[in-house]
């Protein structure tokens, strides 16, 4: 669109310049100008002013475009530099986080290892204590079984002794009965 406007203005300006040149020649030759020609001269002067302003505006637009382009380029460079800085910071943060995570994992692994060792030691201590108590209990059970066997033997002996005493008591009773009978028999004889 700007190209079309530029071309149209250029064609109009070239045509008007030719006509202006003719009118200037007419004035220089001393011929009078018609009102249309005078108006044309005024219009050409206005057109020339517009062209000068348009050229100035075009130059300013071109400068602005170049400034925008430079600014755009600077901004791209700044954006790229900022992206690179941010990427570096992100990489550094990621590295720090990975290092922190690794250090934390190592600390946790050490703590877990210590707790595991402590638990294993406690389990071993409890197992050892249990085994000692169990052995002590087994020994007591063995001693009790021995005592029970001895008691059984003693009870059997007592049973035998009681049986013997019973038999002795029976014998004594029977002897006492005989004695009583014998004494009763003596008494009967005496009374006779």
N, C-alpha and C. Protein backbone atom coordinates (compact mmCIF):
# COMPACT_ATOMS: atom_id res chain seq x y z
N UNK A 1 0.83 -1.19 0.00
CA UNK A 1 0.00 0.00 0.00
C UNK A 1 0.87 1.26 0.00
N UNK A 2 1.89 1.25 0.86
CA UNK A 2 2.80 2.41 0.93
C UNK A 2 3.51 2.59 -0.40
N UNK A 3 3.87 1.47 -1.04
CA UNK A 3 4.56 1.53 -2.33
C UNK A 3 3.65 2.20 -3.37
N UNK A 4 2.37 1.84 -3.37
CA UNK A 4 1.40 2.40 -4.32
C UNK A 4 1.24 3.90 -4.09
N UNK A 5 1.15 4.29 -2.83
CA UNK A 5 1.05 5.72 -2.50
C UNK A 5 2.31 6.45 -2.95
N UNK A 6 3.47 5.87 -2.68
CA UNK A 6 4.75 6.48 -3.09
C UNK A 6 4.78 6.66 -4.60
N UNK A 7 4.38 5.64 -5.33
CA UNK A 7 4.44 5.67 -6.79
C UNK A 7 3.48 6.73 -7.33
N UNK A 8 2.27 6.76 -6.76
CA UNK A 8 1.26 7.73 -7.21
C UNK A 8 1.75 9.15 -6.96
N UNK A 9 2.30 9.39 -5.78
CA UNK A 9 2.82 10.71 -5.47
C UNK A 9 3.98 11.09 -6.40
N UNK A 10 4.81 10.12 -6.69
CA UNK A 10 5.96 10.38 -7.57
C UNK A 10 5.48 10.76 -8.98
N UNK A 11 4.50 10.03 -9.50
CA UNK A 11 3.97 10.33 -10.85
C UNK A 11 3.33 11.73 -10.84
N UNK A 12 2.51 11.99 -9.80
CA UNK A 12 1.84 13.30 -9.71
C UNK A 12 2.88 14.42 -9.58
N UNK A 13 3.88 14.18 -8.80
CA UNK A 13 4.91 15.19 -8.59
C UNK A 13 5.69 15.44 -9.88
N UNK A 14 6.05 14.37 -10.61
CA UNK A 14 6.79 14.54 -11.88
C UNK A 14 5.96 15.35 -12.87
N UNK A 15 4.67 15.01 -12.94
CA UNK A 15 3.78 15.74 -13.86
C UNK A 15 3.70 17.21 -13.45
N UNK A 16 3.48 17.46 -12.16
CA UNK A 16 3.34 18.83 -11.66
C UNK A 16 4.64 19.61 -11.83
N UNK A 17 5.77 18.94 -11.69
CA UNK A 17 7.06 19.62 -11.84
C UNK A 17 7.25 20.08 -13.28
N UNK A 18 6.87 19.21 -14.20
CA UNK A 18 6.97 19.60 -15.62
C UNK A 18 6.11 20.83 -15.88
N UNK A 19 4.87 20.76 -15.37
CA UNK A 19 3.93 21.87 -15.57
C UNK A 19 4.47 23.12 -14.87
N UNK A 20 5.04 22.95 -13.67
CA UNK A 20 5.60 24.07 -12.92
C UNK A 20 6.75 24.71 -13.72
N UNK A 21 7.59 23.83 -14.32
CA UNK A 21 8.70 24.32 -15.13
C UNK A 21 8.20 25.16 -16.30
N UNK A 22 7.11 24.70 -16.91
CA UNK A 22 6.53 25.45 -18.03
C UNK A 22 6.04 26.82 -17.57
N UNK A 23 5.35 26.81 -16.40
CA UNK A 23 4.80 28.07 -15.88
C UNK A 23 5.92 29.03 -15.48
N UNK A 24 7.00 28.52 -14.91
CA UNK A 24 8.14 29.37 -14.54
C UNK A 24 8.72 29.99 -15.81
N UNK A 25 8.87 29.18 -16.86
CA UNK A 25 9.39 29.69 -18.15
C UNK A 25 8.46 30.80 -18.68
N UNK A 26 7.15 30.58 -18.52
CA UNK A 26 6.17 31.57 -18.99
C UNK A 26 6.34 32.88 -18.22
N UNK A 27 6.52 32.76 -16.88
CA UNK A 27 6.69 33.95 -16.05
C UNK A 27 7.99 34.66 -16.43
N UNK A 28 9.06 33.86 -16.66
CA UNK A 28 10.36 34.45 -17.02
C UNK A 28 10.29 35.14 -18.39
N UNK A 29 9.46 34.64 -19.25
CA UNK A 29 9.34 35.26 -20.57
C UNK A 29 8.42 36.49 -20.52
N UNK A 30 7.83 36.76 -19.32
CA UNK A 30 7.04 37.97 -19.13
C UNK A 30 5.59 37.80 -19.51
N UNK A 31 5.15 36.60 -19.76
CA UNK A 31 3.75 36.38 -20.12
C UNK A 31 2.93 36.30 -18.84
N UNK A 32 1.70 36.81 -18.85
CA UNK A 32 0.87 36.74 -17.65
C UNK A 32 0.28 35.33 -17.45
N UNK A 33 -0.03 35.01 -16.18
CA UNK A 33 -0.59 33.69 -15.84
C UNK A 33 -2.09 33.80 -15.70
N UNK A 34 -2.76 32.79 -16.10
CA UNK A 34 -4.22 32.75 -15.89
C UNK A 34 -4.45 32.39 -14.43
N UNK A 35 -5.70 32.60 -13.98
CA UNK A 35 -6.00 32.28 -12.58
C UNK A 35 -5.81 30.78 -12.32
N UNK A 36 -6.13 29.96 -13.30
CA UNK A 36 -5.92 28.50 -13.15
C UNK A 36 -4.44 28.20 -13.01
N UNK A 37 -3.62 28.85 -13.81
CA UNK A 37 -2.18 28.61 -13.73
C UNK A 37 -1.63 29.10 -12.39
N UNK A 38 -2.16 30.27 -11.94
CA UNK A 38 -1.72 30.79 -10.64
C UNK A 38 -2.12 29.82 -9.54
N UNK A 39 -3.36 29.32 -9.63
CA UNK A 39 -3.82 28.30 -8.65
C UNK A 39 -2.94 27.06 -8.72
N UNK A 40 -2.59 26.69 -9.95
CA UNK A 40 -1.74 25.50 -10.09
C UNK A 40 -0.39 25.73 -9.42
N UNK A 41 0.17 26.95 -9.60
CA UNK A 41 1.44 27.27 -8.96
C UNK A 41 1.33 27.13 -7.44
N UNK A 42 0.22 27.69 -6.91
CA UNK A 42 0.00 27.58 -5.46
C UNK A 42 -0.14 26.11 -5.04
N UNK A 43 -0.91 25.39 -5.84
CA UNK A 43 -1.10 23.95 -5.53
C UNK A 43 0.23 23.20 -5.61
N UNK A 44 1.05 23.55 -6.62
CA UNK A 44 2.34 22.87 -6.73
C UNK A 44 3.22 23.17 -5.52
N UNK A 45 3.16 24.44 -5.07
CA UNK A 45 3.95 24.80 -3.91
C UNK A 45 3.47 24.01 -2.68
N UNK A 46 2.13 23.90 -2.60
CA UNK A 46 1.57 23.10 -1.49
C UNK A 46 1.99 21.64 -1.66
N UNK A 47 1.89 21.16 -2.91
CA UNK A 47 2.29 19.77 -3.19
C UNK A 47 3.76 19.57 -2.87
N UNK A 48 4.58 20.56 -3.24
CA UNK A 48 6.01 20.46 -2.96
C UNK A 48 6.24 20.41 -1.45
N UNK A 49 5.48 21.27 -0.71
CA UNK A 49 5.58 21.25 0.76
C UNK A 49 5.14 19.89 1.31
N UNK A 50 4.03 19.40 0.73
CA UNK A 50 3.53 18.07 1.16
C UNK A 50 4.58 17.01 0.86
N UNK A 51 5.17 17.12 -0.34
CA UNK A 51 6.20 16.13 -0.70
C UNK A 51 7.37 16.20 0.26
N UNK A 52 7.82 17.44 0.57
CA UNK A 52 8.93 17.59 1.50
C UNK A 52 8.57 16.98 2.86
N UNK A 53 7.33 17.31 3.28
CA UNK A 53 6.90 16.75 4.57
C UNK A 53 6.75 15.23 4.47
N UNK A 54 6.20 14.80 3.34
CA UNK A 54 6.04 13.35 3.15
C UNK A 54 7.40 12.66 3.15
N UNK A 55 8.38 13.28 2.43
CA UNK A 55 9.73 12.71 2.42
C UNK A 55 10.32 12.68 3.83
N UNK A 56 10.09 13.80 4.56
CA UNK A 56 10.58 13.85 5.94
C UNK A 56 9.90 12.78 6.79
N UNK A 57 8.58 12.68 6.58
CA UNK A 57 7.82 11.66 7.32
C UNK A 57 8.27 10.26 6.93
N UNK A 58 8.53 10.05 5.64
CA UNK A 58 9.02 8.74 5.17
C UNK A 58 10.37 8.43 5.80
N UNK A 59 11.26 9.47 5.83
CA UNK A 59 12.56 9.26 6.46
C UNK A 59 12.39 8.93 7.95
N UNK A 60 11.46 9.69 8.59
CA UNK A 60 11.21 9.44 10.01
C UNK A 60 10.64 8.04 10.22
N UNK A 61 9.72 7.66 9.33
CA UNK A 61 9.15 6.30 9.42
C UNK A 61 10.24 5.26 9.22
N UNK A 62 11.11 5.52 8.23
CA UNK A 62 12.21 4.59 7.98
C UNK A 62 13.14 4.51 9.19
N UNK A 63 13.45 5.70 9.77
CA UNK A 63 14.28 5.73 10.97
C UNK A 63 13.59 4.97 12.11
N UNK A 64 12.27 5.22 12.24
CA UNK A 64 11.52 4.52 13.28
C UNK A 64 11.55 3.01 13.04
N UNK A 65 11.38 2.63 11.77
CA UNK A 65 11.44 1.19 11.45
C UNK A 65 12.80 0.61 11.82
N UNK A 66 13.86 1.37 11.46
CA UNK A 66 15.21 0.91 11.78
C UNK A 66 15.40 0.84 13.30
N UNK A 67 14.88 1.88 14.01
CA UNK A 67 14.99 1.88 15.47
C UNK A 67 14.21 0.69 16.06
N UNK A 68 13.01 0.48 15.48
CA UNK A 68 12.20 -0.66 15.96
C UNK A 68 12.95 -1.95 15.70
N UNK A 69 13.55 -2.04 14.50
CA UNK A 69 14.32 -3.25 14.15
C UNK A 69 15.49 -3.43 15.11
N UNK A 70 16.22 -2.30 15.36
CA UNK A 70 17.35 -2.37 16.29
C UNK A 70 16.87 -2.75 17.69
N UNK A 71 15.78 -2.08 18.10
CA UNK A 71 15.22 -2.37 19.44
C UNK A 71 14.78 -3.83 19.51
N UNK A 72 14.12 -4.28 18.43
CA UNK A 72 13.68 -5.68 18.37
C UNK A 72 14.88 -6.62 18.48
N UNK A 73 15.94 -6.26 17.73
CA UNK A 73 17.16 -7.08 17.75
C UNK A 73 17.79 -7.07 19.15
N UNK A 74 17.85 -5.84 19.75
CA UNK A 74 18.40 -5.74 21.11
C UNK A 74 17.56 -6.55 22.09
N UNK A 75 16.23 -6.42 21.92
CA UNK A 75 15.33 -7.18 22.81
C UNK A 75 15.51 -8.68 22.62
N UNK A 76 15.66 -9.10 21.36
CA UNK A 76 15.90 -10.54 21.11
C UNK A 76 17.18 -10.99 21.80
N UNK A 77 18.24 -10.13 21.66
CA UNK A 77 19.53 -10.47 22.29
C UNK A 77 19.36 -10.51 23.81
N UNK A 78 18.65 -9.49 24.36
CA UNK A 78 18.42 -9.46 25.81
C UNK A 78 17.59 -10.66 26.26
N UNK A 79 16.55 -10.96 25.47
CA UNK A 79 15.70 -12.13 25.80
C UNK A 79 16.53 -13.40 25.77
N UNK A 80 17.36 -13.52 24.72
CA UNK A 80 18.21 -14.71 24.61
C UNK A 80 19.17 -14.79 25.80
N UNK A 81 19.79 -13.63 26.14
CA UNK A 81 20.72 -13.60 27.28
C UNK A 81 19.97 -13.93 28.57
N UNK A 82 18.76 -13.37 28.71
CA UNK A 82 17.95 -13.66 29.90
C UNK A 82 17.59 -15.13 29.96
N UNK A 83 17.19 -15.69 28.79
CA UNK A 83 16.87 -17.13 28.74
C UNK A 83 18.08 -17.97 29.13
N UNK A 84 19.26 -17.56 28.61
CA UNK A 84 20.49 -18.30 28.95
C UNK A 84 20.78 -18.20 30.45
N UNK A 85 20.63 -16.96 31.01
CA UNK A 85 20.84 -16.80 32.45
C UNK A 85 19.85 -17.64 33.24
N UNK A 86 18.58 -17.59 32.81
CA UNK A 86 17.55 -18.39 33.49
C UNK A 86 17.84 -19.88 33.36
N UNK A 87 18.26 -20.30 32.15
CA UNK A 87 18.62 -21.72 31.96
C UNK A 87 19.75 -22.11 32.90
N UNK A 88 20.77 -21.20 33.00
CA UNK A 88 21.89 -21.48 33.91
C UNK A 88 21.41 -21.58 35.34
N UNK A 89 20.55 -20.60 35.73
CA UNK A 89 20.02 -20.61 37.10
C UNK A 89 19.21 -21.87 37.34
N UNK A 90 18.38 -22.23 36.35
CA UNK A 90 17.56 -23.46 36.48
C UNK A 90 18.48 -24.67 36.60
N UNK A 91 19.52 -24.72 35.74
CA UNK A 91 20.47 -25.84 35.81
C UNK A 91 21.15 -25.88 37.18
N UNK A 92 21.56 -24.69 37.66
CA UNK A 92 22.21 -24.62 38.98
C UNK A 92 21.25 -25.07 40.07
N UNK A 93 19.99 -24.60 39.97
CA UNK A 93 18.98 -25.00 40.97
C UNK A 93 18.76 -26.51 40.92
N UNK A 94 18.62 -27.04 39.70
CA UNK A 94 18.42 -28.49 39.55
C UNK A 94 19.61 -29.26 40.12
N UNK A 95 20.83 -28.76 39.83
CA UNK A 95 22.03 -29.43 40.34
C UNK A 95 22.05 -29.38 41.86
N UNK A 96 21.75 -28.17 42.41
CA UNK A 96 21.71 -28.02 43.87
C UNK A 96 20.67 -28.95 44.47
N UNK A 97 19.49 -28.99 43.84
CA UNK A 97 18.43 -29.87 44.35
C UNK A 97 18.86 -31.33 44.28
N UNK A 98 19.47 -31.72 43.14
CA UNK A 98 19.93 -33.12 43.02
C UNK A 98 20.98 -33.42 44.09
N UNK A 99 21.91 -32.45 44.30
CA UNK A 99 22.94 -32.65 45.33
C UNK A 99 22.31 -32.74 46.72
N UNK A 100 21.34 -31.84 46.99
CA UNK A 100 20.66 -31.87 48.29
C UNK A 100 19.92 -33.19 48.48
N UNK A 101 19.23 -33.62 47.42
CA UNK A 101 18.49 -34.89 47.49
C UNK A 101 19.45 -36.04 47.73
N UNK A 102 20.58 -36.02 47.00
CA UNK A 102 21.57 -37.09 47.16
C UNK A 102 22.14 -37.10 48.58
N UNK A 103 22.47 -35.88 49.08
CA UNK A 103 23.02 -35.78 50.45
C UNK A 103 21.98 -36.26 51.47
N UNK A 104 20.72 -35.88 51.26
CA UNK A 104 19.65 -36.31 52.16
C UNK A 104 19.49 -37.82 52.11
N UNK A 105 19.51 -38.37 50.89
CA UNK A 105 19.40 -39.83 50.75
C UNK A 105 20.56 -40.53 51.46
N UNK A 106 21.78 -39.97 51.31
CA UNK A 106 22.94 -40.58 51.98
C UNK A 106 22.78 -40.52 53.50
N UNK A 107 22.33 -39.33 54.00
CA UNK A 107 22.11 -39.21 55.46
C UNK A 107 21.06 -40.20 55.93
N UNK A 108 19.96 -40.29 55.15
CA UNK A 108 18.89 -41.23 55.53
C UNK A 108 19.39 -42.67 55.47
N UNK A 109 20.18 -42.99 54.43
CA UNK A 109 20.74 -44.35 54.33
C UNK A 109 21.61 -44.66 55.55
N UNK A 110 22.44 -43.66 55.95
CA UNK A 110 23.30 -43.86 57.13
C UNK A 110 22.45 -44.07 58.38
N UNK A 111 21.41 -43.21 58.53
CA UNK A 111 20.54 -43.34 59.70
C UNK A 111 19.82 -44.69 59.69
N UNK A 112 19.34 -45.07 58.51
CA UNK A 112 18.66 -46.37 58.38
C UNK A 112 19.63 -47.49 58.74
N UNK A 113 20.87 -47.37 58.25
CA UNK A 113 21.89 -48.39 58.55
C UNK A 113 22.15 -48.45 60.06
N UNK A 114 22.28 -47.26 60.68
CA UNK A 114 22.51 -47.22 62.14
C UNK A 114 21.33 -47.83 62.89
N UNK A 115 20.12 -47.46 62.49
CA UNK A 115 18.92 -48.01 63.15
C UNK A 115 18.85 -49.51 62.94
N UNK A 116 19.16 -49.96 61.70
CA UNK A 116 19.16 -51.40 61.40
C UNK A 116 20.18 -52.13 62.27
N UNK A 117 21.41 -51.54 62.34
CA UNK A 117 22.45 -52.15 63.18
C UNK A 117 22.01 -52.21 64.64
N UNK A 118 21.42 -51.08 65.12
CA UNK A 118 20.96 -51.03 66.51
C UNK A 118 19.87 -52.07 66.75
N UNK A 119 18.93 -52.16 65.79
CA UNK A 119 17.85 -53.16 65.92
C UNK A 119 18.42 -54.58 65.90
N UNK A 120 19.35 -54.83 64.99
CA UNK A 120 19.96 -56.16 64.92
C UNK A 120 20.70 -56.48 66.23
N UNK A 121 21.39 -55.46 66.78
CA UNK A 121 22.10 -55.67 68.05
C UNK A 121 21.10 -55.98 69.16
N UNK A 122 20.01 -55.20 69.19
CA UNK A 122 18.98 -55.45 70.22
C UNK A 122 18.37 -56.84 70.05
N UNK A 123 18.10 -57.19 68.78
CA UNK A 123 17.54 -58.53 68.52
C UNK A 123 18.52 -59.60 68.98
N UNK A 124 19.82 -59.41 68.65
CA UNK A 124 20.84 -60.38 69.08
C UNK A 124 20.90 -60.45 70.60
N UNK A 125 20.87 -59.25 71.25
CA UNK A 125 20.90 -59.23 72.72
C UNK A 125 19.68 -59.94 73.30
N UNK A 126 18.51 -59.65 72.73
CA UNK A 126 17.28 -60.30 73.21
C UNK A 126 17.33 -61.81 72.97
N UNK A 127 17.84 -62.19 71.80
CA UNK A 127 17.96 -63.62 71.48
C UNK A 127 18.91 -64.30 72.47
N UNK A 128 20.05 -63.62 72.72
CA UNK A 128 21.03 -64.18 73.65
C UNK A 128 20.43 -64.29 75.06
N UNK A 129 19.74 -63.20 75.48
CA UNK A 129 19.10 -63.21 76.80
C UNK A 129 18.03 -64.31 76.86
N UNK A 130 17.24 -64.42 75.78
CA UNK A 130 16.21 -65.46 75.73
C UNK A 130 16.85 -66.85 75.80
N UNK A 131 17.92 -67.04 75.02
CA UNK A 131 18.60 -68.35 75.02
C UNK A 131 19.15 -68.67 76.41
N UNK A 132 19.74 -67.65 77.08
CA UNK A 132 20.26 -67.89 78.43
C UNK A 132 19.13 -68.26 79.38
N UNK A 133 18.03 -67.49 79.29
CA UNK A 133 16.89 -67.78 80.17
C UNK A 133 16.29 -69.15 79.84
N UNK A 134 16.23 -69.44 78.53
CA UNK A 134 15.68 -70.73 78.13
C UNK A 134 16.56 -71.87 78.65
N UNK A 135 17.90 -71.68 78.50
CA UNK A 135 18.82 -72.70 79.01
C UNK A 135 18.67 -72.84 80.52
N UNK A 136 18.54 -71.67 81.21
CA UNK A 136 18.36 -71.70 82.66
C UNK A 136 17.06 -72.41 83.01
N UNK A 137 16.01 -72.12 82.24
CA UNK A 137 14.71 -72.77 82.45
C UNK A 137 14.81 -74.27 82.18
N UNK A 138 15.50 -74.61 81.10
CA UNK A 138 15.70 -76.04 80.78
C UNK A 138 16.44 -76.73 81.93
N UNK A 139 17.47 -76.03 82.45
CA UNK A 139 18.23 -76.60 83.56
C UNK A 139 17.33 -76.79 84.78
N UNK A 140 16.49 -75.76 85.06
CA UNK A 140 15.57 -75.87 86.19
C UNK A 140 14.59 -77.02 85.98
N UNK A 141 14.07 -77.10 84.73
CA UNK A 141 13.13 -78.20 84.42
C UNK A 141 13.83 -79.54 84.63
N UNK A 142 15.09 -79.64 84.16
CA UNK A 142 15.85 -80.87 84.33
C UNK A 142 16.02 -81.18 85.82
N UNK A 143 16.38 -80.11 86.60
CA UNK A 143 16.55 -80.29 88.04
C UNK A 143 15.23 -80.72 88.68
N UNK A 144 14.13 -80.06 88.24
CA UNK A 144 12.81 -80.43 88.78
C UNK A 144 12.45 -81.86 88.42
N UNK A 145 12.74 -82.24 87.17
CA UNK A 145 12.47 -83.62 86.76
C UNK A 145 13.27 -84.60 87.62
N UNK A 146 14.55 -84.21 87.88
CA UNK A 146 15.37 -85.05 88.76
C UNK A 146 14.75 -85.14 90.15
N UNK A 147 14.33 -83.94 90.65
CA UNK A 147 13.70 -83.91 91.98
C UNK A 147 12.42 -84.74 91.99
N UNK A 148 11.64 -84.65 90.90
CA UNK A 148 10.41 -85.44 90.80
C UNK A 148 10.74 -86.93 90.82
N UNK A 149 11.78 -87.31 90.07
CA UNK A 149 12.18 -88.72 90.06
C UNK A 149 12.60 -89.17 91.46
N UNK A 150 13.39 -88.28 92.11
CA UNK A 150 13.82 -88.61 93.48
C UNK A 150 12.63 -88.71 94.41
N UNK A 151 11.66 -87.76 94.20
CA UNK A 151 10.44 -87.81 95.02
C UNK A 151 9.66 -89.08 94.76
N UNK A 152 9.60 -89.48 93.48
CA UNK A 152 8.89 -90.73 93.14
C UNK A 152 9.55 -91.91 93.85
N UNK A 153 10.89 -91.90 93.79
CA UNK A 153 11.63 -92.99 94.46
C UNK A 153 11.35 -92.93 95.96
N UNK A 154 11.40 -91.68 96.54
CA UNK A 154 11.15 -91.52 97.97
C UNK A 154 9.73 -91.94 98.32
N UNK A 155 8.75 -91.54 97.45
CA UNK A 155 7.35 -91.92 97.68
C UNK A 155 7.21 -93.42 97.61
N UNK A 156 7.88 -94.04 96.63
CA UNK A 156 7.82 -95.50 96.50
C UNK A 156 8.40 -96.14 97.75
N UNK A 157 9.53 -95.57 98.23
CA UNK A 157 10.15 -96.09 99.44
C UNK A 157 9.21 -95.92 100.64
N UNK A 158 8.60 -94.70 100.70
CA UNK A 158 7.65 -94.44 101.79
C UNK A 158 6.46 -95.40 101.71
N UNK A 159 5.98 -95.60 100.47
CA UNK A 159 4.86 -96.54 100.29
C UNK A 159 5.26 -97.92 100.80
N UNK A 160 6.49 -98.32 100.44
CA UNK A 160 6.99 -99.63 100.88
C UNK A 160 7.11 -99.66 102.40
N UNK A 161 7.67 -98.54 102.96
CA UNK A 161 7.82 -98.47 104.42
C UNK A 161 6.45 -98.48 105.10
N UNK A 162 5.50 -97.70 104.51
CA UNK A 162 4.14 -97.67 105.06
C UNK A 162 3.54 -99.07 105.01
N UNK A 163 3.78 -99.74 103.90
CA UNK A 163 3.25 -101.11 103.76
C UNK A 163 3.87 -102.01 104.82
N UNK A 164 5.17 -101.85 105.00
CA UNK A 164 5.85 -102.66 106.01
C UNK A 164 5.31 -102.33 107.40
N UNK A 165 5.10 -101.00 107.65
CA UNK A 165 4.56 -100.59 108.95
C UNK A 165 3.17 -101.17 109.12
N UNK A 166 2.37 -101.12 108.04
CA UNK A 166 1.02 -101.68 108.11
C UNK A 166 1.09 -103.16 108.46
N UNK A 167 2.03 -103.83 107.76
CA UNK A 167 2.18 -105.27 108.03
C UNK A 167 2.65 -105.49 109.47
N UNK A 168 3.60 -104.63 109.91
CA UNK A 168 4.09 -104.73 111.30
C UNK A 168 2.95 -104.47 112.28
N UNK A 169 2.12 -103.44 111.97
CA UNK A 169 0.98 -103.11 112.84
C UNK A 169 0.02 -104.29 112.85
N UNK A 170 -0.17 -104.90 111.70
CA UNK A 170 -1.07 -106.05 111.62
C UNK A 170 -0.52 -107.18 112.49
N UNK A 171 0.76 -107.38 112.36
CA UNK A 171 1.41 -108.44 113.16
C UNK A 171 1.28 -108.14 114.65
N UNK A 172 1.54 -106.84 114.95
CA UNK A 172 1.46 -106.44 116.36
C UNK A 172 0.03 -106.63 116.85
N UNK A 173 -0.95 -106.24 116.04
CA UNK A 173 -2.35 -106.39 116.43
C UNK A 173 -2.65 -107.86 116.66
N UNK A 174 -2.17 -108.63 115.72
CA UNK A 174 -2.46 -110.06 115.84
C UNK A 174 -1.76 -110.63 117.07
N UNK A 175 -0.53 -110.13 117.32
CA UNK A 175 0.18 -110.60 118.52
C UNK A 175 -0.54 -110.10 119.78
N UNK A 176 -1.04 -108.87 119.71
CA UNK A 176 -1.75 -108.32 120.86
C UNK A 176 -3.04 -109.11 121.10
N UNK A 177 -3.66 -109.46 119.99
CA UNK A 177 -4.89 -110.26 120.12
C UNK A 177 -4.55 -111.61 120.76
N UNK A 178 -3.48 -112.18 120.30
CA UNK A 178 -3.05 -113.46 120.86
C UNK A 178 -2.72 -113.28 122.34
N UNK A 179 -2.01 -112.17 122.58
CA UNK A 179 -1.61 -111.89 123.96
C UNK A 179 -2.85 -111.67 124.83
N UNK A 180 -3.79 -110.92 124.29
CA UNK A 180 -5.03 -110.66 125.01
C UNK A 180 -5.78 -111.96 125.23
N UNK A 181 -5.77 -112.75 124.20
CA UNK A 181 -6.45 -114.04 124.33
C UNK A 181 -5.70 -114.91 125.34
N UNK A 182 -4.45 -114.85 125.26
CA UNK A 182 -3.64 -115.62 126.19
C UNK A 182 -3.86 -115.11 127.61
N UNK A 183 -3.85 -113.79 127.78
CA UNK A 183 -4.08 -113.19 129.09
C UNK A 183 -5.50 -113.50 129.56
N UNK A 184 -6.42 -113.44 128.64
CA UNK A 184 -7.80 -113.73 128.99
C UNK A 184 -7.90 -115.20 129.41
N UNK A 185 -7.15 -116.05 128.76
CA UNK A 185 -7.16 -117.47 129.08
C UNK A 185 -6.56 -117.68 130.45
N UNK A 186 -5.56 -116.98 130.84
CA UNK A 186 -4.91 -117.11 132.14
C UNK A 186 -5.88 -116.63 133.20
N UNK A 187 -6.54 -115.58 132.93
CA UNK A 187 -7.46 -115.01 133.88
C UNK A 187 -8.60 -116.01 134.12
N UNK A 188 -9.05 -116.65 133.10
CA UNK A 188 -10.15 -117.61 133.20
C UNK A 188 -9.67 -118.77 134.06
N UNK A 189 -8.50 -119.20 133.86
CA UNK A 189 -7.97 -120.32 134.63
C UNK A 189 -7.83 -119.94 136.08
N UNK A 190 -7.43 -118.76 136.34
CA UNK A 190 -7.24 -118.32 137.71
C UNK A 190 -8.58 -118.26 138.42
N UNK A 191 -9.56 -117.85 137.76
CA UNK A 191 -10.87 -117.73 138.37
C UNK A 191 -11.44 -119.12 138.66
N UNK A 192 -11.11 -120.02 137.96
CA UNK A 192 -11.63 -121.39 138.17
C UNK A 192 -11.01 -121.90 139.40
